[in-house]
Amino acid sequence: MTRIHYSKTADNSTKSCKARGSDLRVHFKNTHETAQAIKHMPLKRAKRFLQNVKDKKEIVVFRKFGHCVGRKAQ
């Protein structure tokens, strides 16, 4: 019997990590869009971006689930 892997193994495991949460009180759509926004950012930029979002200086653009989300002038 073969095992099915649902996640990709990293090329360089010393420079990567995996994270998983269960029973978190967050919205899937918000979490998905935030993860996509910081996906290819360097770590310092991602931290600064998330802090700016908390301080309401930058916004997370909803690309996939944006059809019923309120608008914000940029």
PDB file of N, CA and C in Angstrom:
ATOM      1  N   MET A   1       0.847  -1.174   0.000  1.00  0.00           N
ATOM      2  CA  MET A   1       0.000   0.000   0.000  1.00  0.00           C
ATOM      3  C   MET A   1       0.894   1.240   0.000  1.00  0.00           C
ATOM      4  N   THR A   2       0.615   2.161  -0.885  1.00  0.00           N
ATOM      5  CA  THR A   2       1.427   3.369  -0.995  1.00  0.00           C
ATOM      6  C   THR A   2       0.833   4.484  -0.154  1.00  0.00           C
ATOM      7  N   ARG A   3       1.727   5.335   0.328  1.00  0.00           N
ATOM      8  CA  ARG A   3       1.294   6.492   1.096  1.00  0.00           C
ATOM      9  C   ARG A   3       1.103   7.671   0.157  1.00  0.00           C
ATOM     10  N   ILE A   4       0.061   8.426   0.372  1.00  0.00           N
ATOM     11  CA  ILE A   4      -0.212   9.596  -0.434  1.00  0.00           C
ATOM     12  C   ILE A   4       0.236  10.825   0.351  1.00  0.00           C
ATOM     13  N   HIS A   5       1.057  11.660  -0.266  1.00  0.00           N
ATOM     14  CA  HIS A   5       1.527  12.879   0.370  1.00  0.00           C
ATOM     15  C   HIS A   5       0.747  14.057  -0.200  1.00  0.00           C
ATOM     16  N   TYR A   6       0.171  14.844   0.683  1.00  0.00           N
ATOM     17  CA  TYR A   6      -0.616  15.983   0.253  1.00  0.00           C
ATOM     18  C   TYR A   6       0.158  17.283   0.282  1.00  0.00           C
ATOM     19  N   SER A   7       1.398  17.243   0.747  1.00  0.00           N
ATOM     20  CA  SER A   7       2.196  18.457   0.769  1.00  0.00           C
ATOM     21  C   SER A   7       3.508  18.206   0.045  1.00  0.00           C
ATOM     22  N   LYS A   8       4.080  19.270  -0.450  1.00  0.00           N
ATOM     23  CA  LYS A   8       5.319  19.186  -1.203  1.00  0.00           C
ATOM     24  C   LYS A   8       6.501  19.178  -0.239  1.00  0.00           C
ATOM     25  N   THR A   9       7.487  18.354  -0.512  1.00  0.00           N
ATOM     26  CA  THR A   9       8.691  18.371   0.301  1.00  0.00           C
ATOM     27  C   THR A   9       9.614  19.464  -0.211  1.00  0.00           C
ATOM     28  N   ALA A  10      10.277  20.137   0.709  1.00  0.00           N
ATOM     29  CA  ALA A  10      11.116  21.272   0.354  1.00  0.00           C
ATOM     30  C   ALA A  10      12.427  20.807  -0.261  1.00  0.00           C
ATOM     31  N   ASP A  11      12.934  21.625  -1.190  1.00  0.00           N
ATOM     32  CA  ASP A  11      14.229  21.326  -1.782  1.00  0.00           C
ATOM     33  C   ASP A  11      15.344  21.485  -0.760  1.00  0.00           C
ATOM     34  N   ASN A  12      15.287  22.535   0.036  1.00  0.00           N
ATOM     35  CA  ASN A  12      16.281  22.797   1.062  1.00  0.00           C
ATOM     36  C   ASN A  12      15.540  22.900   2.392  1.00  0.00           C
ATOM     37  N   SER A  13      15.515  21.830   3.156  1.00  0.00           N
ATOM     38  CA  SER A  13      14.698  21.802   4.362  1.00  0.00           C
ATOM     39  C   SER A  13      15.276  22.647   5.497  1.00  0.00           C
ATOM     40  N   THR A  14      16.538  23.068   5.398  1.00  0.00           N
ATOM     41  CA  THR A  14      17.103  23.909   6.454  1.00  0.00           C
ATOM     42  C   THR A  14      16.621  25.346   6.344  1.00  0.00           C
ATOM     43  N   LYS A  15      16.127  25.752   5.182  1.00  0.00           N
ATOM     44  CA  LYS A  15      15.669  27.123   4.983  1.00  0.00           C
ATOM     45  C   LYS A  15      14.159  27.216   4.810  1.00  0.00           C
ATOM     46  N   SER A  16      13.427  26.194   5.189  1.00  0.00           N
ATOM     47  CA  SER A  16      11.983  26.218   5.024  1.00  0.00           C
ATOM     48  C   SER A  16      11.315  25.633   6.262  1.00  0.00           C
ATOM     49  N   CYS A  17      10.012  25.851   6.342  1.00  0.00           N
ATOM     50  CA  CYS A  17       9.257  25.296   7.463  1.00  0.00           C
ATOM     51  C   CYS A  17       7.843  24.982   6.988  1.00  0.00           C
ATOM     52  N   LYS A  18       7.166  24.172   7.753  1.00  0.00           N
ATOM     53  CA  LYS A  18       5.768  23.861   7.496  1.00  0.00           C
ATOM     54  C   LYS A  18       4.968  24.301   8.710  1.00  0.00           C
ATOM     55  N   ALA A  19       3.767  24.740   8.469  1.00  0.00           N
ATOM     56  CA  ALA A  19       2.904  25.169   9.563  1.00  0.00           C
ATOM     57  C   ALA A  19       1.503  24.641   9.307  1.00  0.00           C
ATOM     58  N   ARG A  20       0.819  24.360  10.392  1.00  0.00           N
ATOM     59  CA  ARG A  20      -0.538  23.865  10.273  1.00  0.00           C
ATOM     60  C   ARG A  20      -1.300  24.272  11.536  1.00  0.00           C
ATOM     61  N   GLY A  21      -2.522  24.661  11.358  1.00  0.00           N
ATOM     62  CA  GLY A  21      -3.350  25.020  12.493  1.00  0.00           C
ATOM     63  C   GLY A  21      -4.684  24.305  12.412  1.00  0.00           C
ATOM     64  N   SER A  22      -5.237  24.006  13.547  1.00  0.00           N
ATOM     65  CA  SER A  22      -6.561  23.380  13.564  1.00  0.00           C
ATOM     66  C   SER A  22      -7.396  24.067  14.638  1.00  0.00           C
ATOM     67  N   ASP A  23      -8.678  24.150  14.401  1.00  0.00           N
ATOM     68  CA  ASP A  23      -9.632  24.806  15.294  1.00  0.00           C
ATOM     69  C   ASP A  23      -9.251  26.255  15.565  1.00  0.00           C
ATOM     70  N   LEU A  24      -8.803  26.948  14.531  1.00  0.00           N
ATOM     71  CA  LEU A  24      -8.460  28.354  14.666  1.00  0.00           C
ATOM     72  C   LEU A  24      -9.687  29.201  14.351  1.00  0.00           C
ATOM     73  N   ARG A  25      -9.863  30.270  15.087  1.00  0.00           N
ATOM     74  CA  ARG A  25     -11.021  31.134  14.872  1.00  0.00           C
ATOM     75  C   ARG A  25     -10.655  32.229  13.875  1.00  0.00           C
ATOM     76  N   VAL A  26     -10.387  31.820  12.646  1.00  0.00           N
ATOM     77  CA  VAL A  26     -10.062  32.744  11.566  1.00  0.00           C
ATOM     78  C   VAL A  26     -10.918  32.376  10.359  1.00  0.00           C
ATOM     79  N   HIS A  27     -11.062  33.333   9.467  1.00  0.00           N
ATOM     80  CA  HIS A  27     -11.815  33.092   8.249  1.00  0.00           C
ATOM     81  C   HIS A  27     -10.885  32.524   7.187  1.00  0.00           C
ATOM     82  N   PHE A  28     -11.336  31.512   6.486  1.00  0.00           N
ATOM     83  CA  PHE A  28     -10.522  30.878   5.454  1.00  0.00           C
ATOM     84  C   PHE A  28     -10.131  31.851   4.354  1.00  0.00           C
ATOM     85  N   LYS A  29     -11.093  32.658   3.904  1.00  0.00           N
ATOM     86  CA  LYS A  29     -10.825  33.561   2.785  1.00  0.00           C
ATOM     87  C   LYS A  29      -9.784  34.618   3.168  1.00  0.00           C
ATOM     88  N   ASN A  30      -9.890  35.190   4.358  1.00  0.00           N
ATOM     89  CA  ASN A  30      -8.911  36.177   4.797  1.00  0.00           C
ATOM     90  C   ASN A  30      -7.528  35.555   4.925  1.00  0.00           C
ATOM     91  N   THR A  31      -7.461  34.370   5.489  1.00  0.00           N
ATOM     92  CA  THR A  31      -6.179  33.692   5.676  1.00  0.00           C
ATOM     93  C   THR A  31      -5.561  33.344   4.336  1.00  0.00           C
ATOM     94  N   HIS A  32      -6.361  32.880   3.393  1.00  0.00           N
ATOM     95  CA  HIS A  32      -5.862  32.522   2.060  1.00  0.00           C
ATOM     96  C   HIS A  32      -5.283  33.740   1.354  1.00  0.00           C
ATOM     97  N   GLU A  33      -5.989  34.845   1.365  1.00  0.00           N
ATOM     98  CA  GLU A  33      -5.534  36.048   0.677  1.00  0.00           C
ATOM     99  C   GLU A  33      -4.285  36.632   1.338  1.00  0.00           C
ATOM    100  N   THR A  34      -4.200  36.574   2.649  1.00  0.00           N
ATOM    101  CA  THR A  34      -3.010  37.064   3.344  1.00  0.00           C
ATOM    102  C   THR A  34      -1.806  36.199   3.022  1.00  0.00           C
ATOM    103  N   ALA A  35      -1.993  34.889   2.997  1.00  0.00           N
ATOM    104  CA  ALA A  35      -0.893  33.984   2.664  1.00  0.00           C
ATOM    105  C   ALA A  35      -0.414  34.191   1.235  1.00  0.00           C
ATOM    106  N   GLN A  36      -1.339  34.422   0.314  1.00  0.00           N
ATOM    107  CA  GLN A  36      -0.948  34.670  -1.070  1.00  0.00           C
ATOM    108  C   GLN A  36      -0.234  36.008  -1.222  1.00  0.00           C
ATOM    109  N   ALA A  37      -0.597  36.986  -0.383  1.00  0.00           N
ATOM    110  CA  ALA A  37       0.030  38.301  -0.472  1.00  0.00           C
ATOM    111  C   ALA A  37       1.489  38.262  -0.027  1.00  0.00           C
ATOM    112  N   ILE A  38       1.816  37.440   0.973  1.00  0.00           N
ATOM    113  CA  ILE A  38       3.183  37.413   1.494  1.00  0.00           C
ATOM    114  C   ILE A  38       3.978  36.226   0.978  1.00  0.00           C
ATOM    115  N   LYS A  39       3.451  35.539  -0.011  1.00  0.00           N
ATOM    116  CA  LYS A  39       4.038  34.272  -0.452  1.00  0.00           C
ATOM    117  C   LYS A  39       5.496  34.388  -0.891  1.00  0.00           C
ATOM    118  N   HIS A  40       5.842  35.322  -1.733  1.00  0.00           N
ATOM    119  CA  HIS A  40       7.206  35.409  -2.259  1.00  0.00           C
ATOM    120  C   HIS A  40       7.975  36.607  -1.694  1.00  0.00           C
ATOM    121  N   MET A  41       7.486  37.163  -0.594  1.00  0.00           N
ATOM    122  CA  MET A  41       8.175  38.292   0.021  1.00  0.00           C
ATOM    123  C   MET A  41       9.332  37.792   0.885  1.00  0.00           C
ATOM    124  N   PRO A  42      10.391  38.580   0.983  1.00  0.00           N
ATOM    125  CA  PRO A  42      11.419  38.269   1.978  1.00  0.00           C
ATOM    126  C   PRO A  42      10.830  38.391   3.388  1.00  0.00           C
ATOM    127  N   LEU A  43      11.457  37.754   4.350  1.00  0.00           N
ATOM    128  CA  LEU A  43      10.896  37.685   5.701  1.00  0.00           C
ATOM    129  C   LEU A  43      10.723  39.068   6.325  1.00  0.00           C
ATOM    130  N   LYS A  44      11.710  39.937   6.198  1.00  0.00           N
ATOM    131  CA  LYS A  44      11.603  41.272   6.793  1.00  0.00           C
ATOM    132  C   LYS A  44      10.471  42.070   6.163  1.00  0.00           C
ATOM    133  N   ARG A  45      10.330  41.967   4.843  1.00  0.00           N
ATOM    134  CA  ARG A  45       9.249  42.687   4.149  1.00  0.00           C
ATOM    135  C   ARG A  45       7.890  42.129   4.559  1.00  0.00           C
ATOM    136  N   ALA A  46       7.790  40.802   4.715  1.00  0.00           N
ATOM    137  CA  ALA A  46       6.520  40.189   5.104  1.00  0.00           C
ATOM    138  C   ALA A  46       6.114  40.641   6.505  1.00  0.00           C
ATOM    139  N   LYS A  47       7.071  40.706   7.420  1.00  0.00           N
ATOM    140  CA  LYS A  47       6.762  41.174   8.772  1.00  0.00           C
ATOM    141  C   LYS A  47       6.322  42.635   8.750  1.00  0.00           C
ATOM    142  N   ARG A  48       7.025  43.462   7.977  1.00  0.00           N
ATOM    143  CA  ARG A  48       6.679  44.873   7.880  1.00  0.00           C
ATOM    144  C   ARG A  48       5.304  45.045   7.231  1.00  0.00           C
ATOM    145  N   PHE A  49       5.016  44.229   6.215  1.00  0.00           N
ATOM    146  CA  PHE A  49       3.718  44.289   5.542  1.00  0.00           C
ATOM    147  C   PHE A  49       2.589  43.949   6.508  1.00  0.00           C
ATOM    148  N   LEU A  50       2.752  42.882   7.283  1.00  0.00           N
ATOM    149  CA  LEU A  50       1.699  42.488   8.217  1.00  0.00           C
ATOM    150  C   LEU A  50       1.510  43.532   9.314  1.00  0.00           C
ATOM    151  N   GLN A  51       2.611  44.151   9.755  1.00  0.00           N
ATOM    152  CA  GLN A  51       2.485  45.218  10.747  1.00  0.00           C
ATOM    153  C   GLN A  51       1.771  46.427  10.145  1.00  0.00           C
ATOM    154  N   ASN A  52       2.073  46.742   8.892  1.00  0.00           N
ATOM    155  CA  ASN A  52       1.390  47.854   8.221  1.00  0.00           C
ATOM    156  C   ASN A  52      -0.093  47.559   8.028  1.00  0.00           C
ATOM    157  N   VAL A  53      -0.431  46.301   7.790  1.00  0.00           N
ATOM    158  CA  VAL A  53      -1.846  45.929   7.662  1.00  0.00           C
ATOM    159  C   VAL A  53      -2.548  46.124   9.004  1.00  0.00           C
ATOM    160  N   LYS A  54      -1.891  45.729  10.085  1.00  0.00           N
ATOM    161  CA  LYS A  54      -2.479  45.929  11.409  1.00  0.00           C
ATOM    162  C   LYS A  54      -2.650  47.406  11.728  1.00  0.00           C
ATOM    163  N   ASP A  55      -1.687  48.222  11.293  1.00  0.00           N
ATOM    164  CA  ASP A  55      -1.749  49.667  11.532  1.00  0.00           C
ATOM    165  C   ASP A  55      -2.604  50.393  10.496  1.00  0.00           C
ATOM    166  N   LYS A  56      -3.176  49.660   9.557  1.00  0.00           N
ATOM    167  CA  LYS A  56      -4.042  50.184   8.498  1.00  0.00           C
ATOM    168  C   LYS A  56      -3.319  51.165   7.589  1.00  0.00           C
ATOM    169  N   LYS A  57      -2.045  50.857   7.279  1.00  0.00           N
ATOM    170  CA  LYS A  57      -1.269  51.645   6.326  1.00  0.00           C
ATOM    171  C   LYS A  57      -1.253  50.981   4.957  1.00  0.00           C
ATOM    172  N   GLU A  58      -1.376  49.652   4.922  1.00  0.00           N
ATOM    173  CA  GLU A  58      -1.450  48.889   3.675  1.00  0.00           C
ATOM    174  C   GLU A  58      -2.646  47.961   3.769  1.00  0.00           C
ATOM    175  N   ILE A  59      -3.065  47.466   2.618  1.00  0.00           N
ATOM    176  CA  ILE A  59      -4.197  46.553   2.604  1.00  0.00           C
ATOM    177  C   ILE A  59      -3.800  45.251   1.928  1.00  0.00           C
ATOM    178  N   VAL A  60      -4.529  44.197   2.243  1.00  0.00           N
ATOM    179  CA  VAL A  60      -4.383  42.922   1.569  1.00  0.00           C
ATOM    180  C   VAL A  60      -5.396  42.910   0.441  1.00  0.00           C
ATOM    181  N   VAL A  61      -4.903  42.807  -0.776  1.00  0.00           N
ATOM    182  CA  VAL A  61      -5.784  42.827  -1.935  1.00  0.00           C
ATOM    183  C   VAL A  61      -6.423  41.452  -2.097  1.00  0.00           C
ATOM    184  N   PHE A  62      -7.747  41.421  -2.155  1.00  0.00           N
ATOM    185  CA  PHE A  62      -8.460  40.165  -2.348  1.00  0.00           C
ATOM    186  C   PHE A  62      -8.525  39.876  -3.841  1.00  0.00           C
ATOM    187  N   ARG A  63      -7.801  38.876  -4.285  1.00  0.00           N
ATOM    188  CA  ARG A  63      -7.734  38.547  -5.699  1.00  0.00           C
ATOM    189  C   ARG A  63      -8.691  37.411  -6.071  1.00  0.00           C
ATOM    190  N   LYS A  64      -8.730  36.377  -5.269  1.00  0.00           N
ATOM    191  CA  LYS A  64      -9.572  35.229  -5.601  1.00  0.00           C
ATOM    192  C   LYS A  64     -10.991  35.384  -5.058  1.00  0.00           C
ATOM    193  N   PHE A  65     -11.104  35.831  -3.820  1.00  0.00           N
ATOM    194  CA  PHE A  65     -12.406  35.936  -3.162  1.00  0.00           C
ATOM    195  C   PHE A  65     -12.841  37.389  -3.046  1.00  0.00           C
ATOM    196  N   GLY A  66     -12.678  38.171  -4.105  1.00  0.00           N
ATOM    197  CA  GLY A  66     -12.954  39.597  -4.024  1.00  0.00           C
ATOM    198  C   GLY A  66     -14.308  40.024  -4.520  1.00  0.00           C
ATOM    199  N   HIS A  67     -15.168  39.097  -4.908  1.00  0.00           N
ATOM    200  CA  HIS A  67     -16.433  39.505  -5.522  1.00  0.00           C
ATOM    201  C   HIS A  67     -17.445  40.029  -4.532  1.00  0.00           C
ATOM    202  N   CYS A  68     -17.325  39.741  -3.244  1.00  0.00           N
ATOM    203  CA  CYS A  68     -18.303  40.246  -2.284  1.00  0.00           C
ATOM    204  C   CYS A  68     -17.597  40.844  -1.062  1.00  0.00           C
ATOM    205  N   VAL A  69     -16.483  41.509  -1.311  1.00  0.00           N
ATOM    206  CA  VAL A  69     -15.721  42.151  -0.244  1.00  0.00           C
ATOM    207  C   VAL A  69     -15.806  43.650  -0.450  1.00  0.00           C
ATOM    208  N   GLY A  70     -15.887  44.395   0.645  1.00  0.00           N
ATOM    209  CA  GLY A  70     -15.938  45.847   0.538  1.00  0.00           C
ATOM    210  C   GLY A  70     -14.683  46.412  -0.114  1.00  0.00           C
ATOM    211  N   ARG A  71     -14.794  47.590  -0.697  1.00  0.00           N
ATOM    212  CA  ARG A  71     -13.685  48.195  -1.425  1.00  0.00           C
ATOM    213  C   ARG A  71     -12.941  49.177  -0.521  1.00  0.00           C
ATOM    214  N   LYS A  72     -11.656  49.332  -0.787  1.00  0.00           N
ATOM    215  CA  LYS A  72     -10.826  50.292  -0.063  1.00  0.00           C
ATOM    216  C   LYS A  72      -9.988  51.041  -1.070  1.00  0.00           C
ATOM    217  N   ALA A  73     -10.043  52.372  -1.047  1.00  0.00           N
ATOM    218  CA  ALA A  73      -9.250  53.179  -1.964  1.00  0.00           C
ATOM    219  C   ALA A  73      -7.771  52.989  -1.663  1.00  0.00           C
ATOM    220  N   GLN A  74      -6.985  52.861  -2.710  1.00  0.00           N
ATOM    221  CA  GLN A  74      -5.551  52.637  -2.519  1.00  0.00           C
ATOM    222  C   GLN A  74      -4.777  53.866  -2.935  1.00  0.00           C
TER     223      GLN A  74
END
